[in-house]
Amino acid sequence: MSEADLLVIILDLILRHIPIVYREQFQFLKSIPVCNIHAVLLHAATDCSVWFTVTFTFDRFVAICCQTLKMSVLSCLKNIFWYFMLTGEYSLENDRWFRDVTEDVMLSRVWVTIELLHHILTPGLPFVVILLLNALTVRHILVSSRARRKLRAHSSGGSRRDPEMESRRKSIILLSVISGNFNLLWAVLMVFLIWRQIWYLGSVSVYLPPFLWESGFILQLLSCCTNTAIYAGTQTQFRKQLKNVLKYPLTSIVKFIR
């Protein structure tokens, strides 16, 4: 999940702006489909970032509720269609869509429908899956907690401290924070993109203001940073090592003075 988030930052924040900043040096890109390949990699990395969050949720669901199940791998081959939608040229403007789209694609109901399905699958479907798995996981923990409390209440000499249930509580807190962070930060962009495609199809007459697009884009990229920070910050060993790193300069100075 962290690697996918890092790829999004590299492909979407760094590599996307290089042709914009160095416009003259990158004029040669108009003759080769670098932009198309960049678009495929970018959307594939974004899909991985989203679906690895779903996989993390599913992993916690399996570990807590259905330990006999095994993990499955999700494919991102569907993003190949971006290669054929684009002109192969960077727009060389600081715009959310950093490459030009052909007029035929913009006016084609087929391509608009394909892009709408793309946005429904990522991140529309993950929203539903994450909420459903979280609900099932929380329900299972509550049922298990009540059952274990009753069993331990009837046991003699048993300690009130239950390490297994404490571990599950910590797991569900981490799960809820990461899932909630993902849903909140992706919500604006998801609503705008789906609404825009429906507007292109002529199903709605109100076009949402562009600032929602930019705001959603910023929040979506922010989720790639916060997910990793939240996951790392909640790990005991990571916090321990981080404290050692912060203490090391002071310790070295004290030793040098002594």
Protein backbone atom coordinates (compact mmCIF):
# COMPACT_ATOMS: atom_id res chain seq x y z
CA MET A 1 0.00 0.00 0.00
CA SER A 2 2.86 2.36 0.86
CA GLU A 3 4.72 1.55 -2.37
CA ALA A 4 1.61 2.21 -4.48
CA ASP A 5 1.04 5.53 -2.70
CA LEU A 6 4.65 6.51 -3.35
CA LEU A 7 4.27 5.65 -7.05
CA VAL A 8 1.23 7.94 -7.27
CA ILE A 9 3.22 10.79 -5.75
CA ILE A 10 6.11 10.20 -8.19
CA LEU A 11 3.96 9.77 -11.31
CA ASP A 12 1.30 12.36 -10.52
CA LEU A 13 3.15 15.10 -8.67
CA ILE A 14 6.74 14.88 -9.91
CA LEU A 15 6.89 13.40 -13.42
CA ARG A 16 3.67 15.15 -14.49
CA HIS A 17 5.19 18.60 -13.90
CA ILE A 18 8.61 18.05 -15.49
CA PRO A 19 7.35 18.61 -19.09
CA ILE A 20 5.42 21.66 -17.87
CA VAL A 21 8.39 23.29 -16.17
CA TYR A 22 10.84 22.39 -18.97
CA ARG A 23 8.48 23.08 -21.84
CA GLU A 24 11.06 23.72 -24.56
CA GLN A 25 13.21 20.72 -23.69
CA PHE A 26 10.21 18.39 -23.90
CA GLN A 27 8.79 19.46 -27.26
CA PHE A 28 10.07 16.16 -28.72
CA LEU A 29 7.39 14.31 -26.71
CA LYS A 30 4.83 15.38 -29.29
CA SER A 31 6.23 12.78 -31.69
CA ILE A 32 6.29 9.79 -29.32
CA PRO A 33 3.52 8.39 -27.08
CA VAL A 34 5.29 8.97 -23.75
CA CYS A 35 2.23 10.74 -22.39
CA ASN A 36 0.00 7.76 -23.19
CA ILE A 37 2.31 5.37 -21.37
CA HIS A 38 2.55 7.83 -18.46
CA ALA A 39 -1.25 7.95 -18.26
CA VAL A 40 -1.53 4.14 -18.14
CA LEU A 41 1.11 3.88 -15.40
CA LEU A 42 -0.43 6.74 -13.43
CA HIS A 43 -3.93 5.30 -13.43
CA ALA A 44 -2.61 1.79 -12.73
CA ALA A 45 -0.69 3.12 -9.71
CA THR A 46 -3.79 5.01 -8.53
CA ASP A 47 -5.85 1.84 -8.88
CA CYS A 48 -3.26 -0.10 -6.88
CA SER A 49 -3.30 2.58 -4.18
CA VAL A 50 -7.09 2.36 -3.91
CA TRP A 51 -7.38 -1.41 -4.13
CA PHE A 52 -4.51 -2.07 -1.74
CA THR A 53 -6.51 -0.07 0.80
CA VAL A 54 -9.44 -2.38 0.04
CA THR A 55 -7.10 -5.37 0.30
CA PHE A 56 -5.91 -4.15 3.70
CA THR A 57 -9.53 -3.93 4.81
CA PHE A 58 -10.22 -7.38 3.40
CA ASP A 59 -7.08 -8.74 5.07
CA ARG A 60 -8.28 -7.53 8.48
CA PHE A 61 -11.73 -8.96 7.75
CA VAL A 62 -10.24 -12.34 6.88
CA ALA A 63 -7.81 -12.33 9.82
CA ILE A 64 -10.59 -11.54 12.29
CA CYS A 65 -13.75 -13.03 10.79
CA CYS A 66 -12.89 -15.66 8.16
CA GLN A 67 -9.44 -17.07 8.82
CA THR A 68 -9.96 -19.94 6.36
CA LEU A 69 -10.15 -17.62 3.34
CA LYS A 70 -7.12 -16.61 1.27
CA MET A 71 -6.21 -13.30 -0.30
CA SER A 72 -6.82 -12.59 -3.98
CA VAL A 73 -4.87 -10.39 -6.41
CA LEU A 74 -6.61 -7.60 -8.35
CA SER A 75 -5.61 -6.75 -11.91
CA CYS A 76 -5.20 -3.23 -13.29
CA LEU A 77 -5.20 -4.14 -16.97
CA LYS A 78 -8.38 -2.13 -17.48
CA ASN A 79 -6.30 1.06 -17.53
CA ILE A 80 -4.87 0.22 -20.96
CA PHE A 81 -7.83 2.07 -22.52
CA TRP A 82 -6.22 5.39 -21.47
CA TYR A 83 -3.47 4.74 -24.03
CA PHE A 84 -5.97 4.87 -26.89
CA MET A 85 -8.01 7.81 -25.56
CA LEU A 86 -5.16 10.32 -25.53
CA THR A 87 -3.39 12.24 -28.29
CA GLY A 88 0.11 11.39 -27.06
CA GLU A 89 0.96 15.02 -26.27
CA TYR A 90 1.37 16.71 -22.91
CA SER A 91 -0.83 19.78 -22.61
CA LEU A 92 2.13 21.67 -21.05
CA GLU A 93 -0.25 23.44 -18.69
CA ASN A 94 -0.69 23.14 -14.95
CA ASP A 95 -3.99 21.33 -15.33
CA ARG A 96 -5.44 18.27 -13.61
CA TRP A 97 -5.50 16.42 -16.93
CA PHE A 98 -1.91 16.85 -18.06
CA ARG A 99 -2.39 15.41 -21.56
CA ASP A 100 -4.63 16.29 -24.49
CA VAL A 101 -7.71 14.25 -25.37
CA THR A 102 -8.92 13.97 -28.95
CA GLU A 103 -12.17 15.70 -29.86
CA ASP A 104 -13.63 12.39 -31.05
CA VAL A 105 -13.08 10.93 -27.59
CA MET A 106 -14.61 13.93 -25.82
CA LEU A 107 -17.76 13.72 -27.97
CA SER A 108 -18.00 9.92 -28.03
CA ARG A 109 -20.66 8.44 -25.75
CA VAL A 110 -18.77 5.14 -25.86
CA TRP A 111 -15.56 6.59 -24.41
CA VAL A 112 -17.48 8.72 -21.92
CA THR A 113 -19.29 5.58 -20.75
CA ILE A 114 -15.98 3.70 -20.48
CA GLU A 115 -14.49 6.47 -18.35
CA LEU A 116 -17.64 6.57 -16.21
CA LEU A 117 -17.33 2.83 -15.56
CA HIS A 118 -13.65 3.39 -14.73
CA HIS A 119 -14.54 5.94 -12.04
CA ILE A 120 -17.31 3.71 -10.69
CA LEU A 121 -14.87 0.80 -10.36
CA THR A 122 -12.19 3.07 -8.86
CA PRO A 123 -13.00 4.43 -6.34
CA GLY A 124 -16.80 3.98 -6.35
CA LEU A 125 -16.83 0.21 -5.82
CA PRO A 126 -14.02 0.31 -3.20
CA PHE A 127 -16.13 2.74 -1.15
CA VAL A 128 -18.93 0.18 -0.95
CA VAL A 129 -16.58 -2.77 -0.35
CA ILE A 130 -14.68 -0.98 2.44
CA LEU A 131 -17.86 0.10 4.23
CA LEU A 132 -19.35 -3.40 3.93
CA LEU A 133 -16.20 -5.18 5.17
CA ASN A 134 -15.81 -2.72 8.04
CA ALA A 135 -19.39 -3.29 9.11
CA LEU A 136 -18.96 -7.08 9.02
CA THR A 137 -15.64 -6.89 10.89
CA VAL A 138 -17.02 -4.64 13.64
CA ARG A 139 -20.10 -6.85 13.97
CA HIS A 140 -17.94 -9.96 14.30
CA ILE A 141 -15.74 -8.33 16.96
CA LEU A 142 -18.75 -7.22 19.00
CA VAL A 143 -20.29 -10.70 18.87
CA SER A 144 -16.96 -12.35 19.74
CA SER A 145 -16.36 -9.91 22.60
CA ARG A 146 -19.73 -10.68 24.19
CA ALA A 147 -19.17 -14.42 23.83
CA ARG A 148 -15.65 -14.29 25.31
CA ARG A 149 -16.76 -12.12 28.22
CA LYS A 150 -19.46 -14.63 29.10
CA LEU A 151 -17.03 -17.56 28.89
CA ARG A 152 -14.39 -15.81 30.96
CA ALA A 153 -16.98 -14.74 33.52
CA HIS A 154 -17.81 -18.42 34.16
CA SER A 155 -14.15 -19.44 34.39
CA SER A 156 -12.55 -19.42 37.80
CA GLY A 157 -9.39 -17.50 38.58
CA GLY A 158 -9.22 -15.99 35.11
CA SER A 159 -7.65 -12.60 34.60
CA ARG A 160 -9.91 -9.84 33.36
CA ARG A 161 -7.27 -8.83 30.81
CA ASP A 162 -7.85 -10.46 27.43
CA PRO A 163 -4.80 -9.98 25.13
CA GLU A 164 -6.58 -11.38 22.07
CA MET A 165 -9.50 -8.98 22.29
CA GLU A 166 -7.16 -6.06 23.00
CA SER A 167 -5.25 -6.94 19.83
CA ARG A 168 -8.48 -7.05 17.87
CA ARG A 169 -9.56 -3.68 19.24
CA LYS A 170 -6.26 -2.11 18.16
CA SER A 171 -6.66 -3.71 14.74
CA ILE A 172 -10.17 -2.37 14.24
CA ILE A 173 -9.09 1.12 15.35
CA LEU A 174 -6.30 1.11 12.75
CA LEU A 175 -8.68 -0.28 10.14
CA SER A 176 -11.31 2.37 10.88
CA VAL A 177 -8.80 5.23 10.76
CA ILE A 178 -7.29 4.15 7.42
CA SER A 179 -10.68 3.36 5.86
CA GLY A 180 -12.26 6.58 7.13
CA ASN A 181 -9.28 8.61 5.91
CA PHE A 182 -9.53 7.01 2.46
CA ASN A 183 -13.29 7.53 2.12
CA LEU A 184 -13.22 11.15 3.29
CA LEU A 185 -10.29 12.25 1.13
CA TRP A 186 -11.51 10.50 -2.03
CA ALA A 187 -15.18 11.50 -1.70
CA VAL A 188 -15.00 14.95 -3.36
CA LEU A 189 -13.04 13.77 -6.41
CA MET A 190 -15.19 10.67 -6.86
CA VAL A 191 -18.45 12.65 -6.80
CA PHE A 192 -17.09 15.24 -9.25
CA LEU A 193 -15.70 12.71 -11.75
CA ILE A 194 -18.84 10.57 -11.80
CA TRP A 195 -21.08 13.67 -12.00
CA ARG A 196 -18.98 15.07 -14.86
CA GLN A 197 -19.29 11.89 -16.92
CA ILE A 198 -23.04 11.80 -16.33
CA TRP A 199 -23.14 15.45 -17.46
CA TYR A 200 -21.29 14.50 -20.68
CA LEU A 201 -23.92 11.80 -21.27
CA GLY A 202 -26.66 14.46 -20.93
CA SER A 203 -28.32 12.90 -17.90
CA VAL A 204 -27.89 16.02 -15.71
CA SER A 205 -27.94 19.70 -16.64
CA VAL A 206 -25.93 21.16 -13.74
CA TYR A 207 -22.13 21.20 -14.17
CA LEU A 208 -20.20 21.28 -10.90
CA PRO A 209 -17.71 24.18 -10.47
CA PRO A 210 -14.07 23.41 -11.42
CA PHE A 211 -12.72 24.27 -7.96
CA LEU A 212 -14.29 21.04 -6.68
CA TRP A 213 -12.12 19.17 -9.17
CA GLU A 214 -8.94 20.82 -7.92
CA SER A 215 -9.95 20.39 -4.28
CA GLY A 216 -10.77 16.73 -4.82
CA PHE A 217 -7.49 16.19 -6.67
CA ILE A 218 -5.49 17.69 -3.80
CA LEU A 219 -7.35 15.62 -1.20
CA GLN A 220 -6.90 12.43 -3.26
CA LEU A 221 -3.13 12.94 -3.40
CA LEU A 222 -3.14 13.77 0.30
CA SER A 223 -4.68 10.37 1.02
CA CYS A 224 -1.60 8.71 -0.50
CA CYS A 225 0.53 10.48 2.12
CA THR A 226 -1.71 10.12 5.16
CA ASN A 227 -2.44 6.40 4.70
CA THR A 228 1.26 5.56 4.90
CA ALA A 229 1.83 7.92 7.84
CA ILE A 230 -1.13 6.51 9.77
CA TYR A 231 -0.12 2.90 9.18
CA ALA A 232 3.51 3.50 10.11
CA GLY A 233 2.69 5.71 13.09
CA THR A 234 0.45 3.12 14.70
CA GLN A 235 3.10 0.38 14.65
CA THR A 236 4.87 -0.06 17.99
CA GLN A 237 8.22 -1.02 16.47
CA PHE A 238 8.14 1.94 14.08
CA ARG A 239 7.49 4.39 16.94
CA LYS A 240 10.29 2.79 18.95
CA GLN A 241 12.77 3.11 16.08
CA LEU A 242 11.63 6.68 15.39
CA LYS A 243 12.28 7.63 19.02
CA ASN A 244 15.75 6.11 18.78
CA VAL A 245 16.46 8.16 15.65
CA LEU A 246 15.33 11.38 17.34
CA LYS A 247 17.31 10.63 20.50
CA TYR A 248 20.48 9.62 18.69
CA PRO A 249 21.84 13.16 17.99
CA LEU A 250 21.27 14.21 21.61
CA THR A 251 22.86 11.02 22.89
CA SER A 252 25.89 11.55 20.66
CA ILE A 253 26.30 15.15 21.88
CA VAL A 254 26.08 14.06 25.51
CA LYS A 255 28.66 11.34 24.97
CA PHE A 256 30.97 13.80 23.19
CA ILE A 257 30.70 16.32 26.04
CA ARG A 258 31.42 13.65 28.64
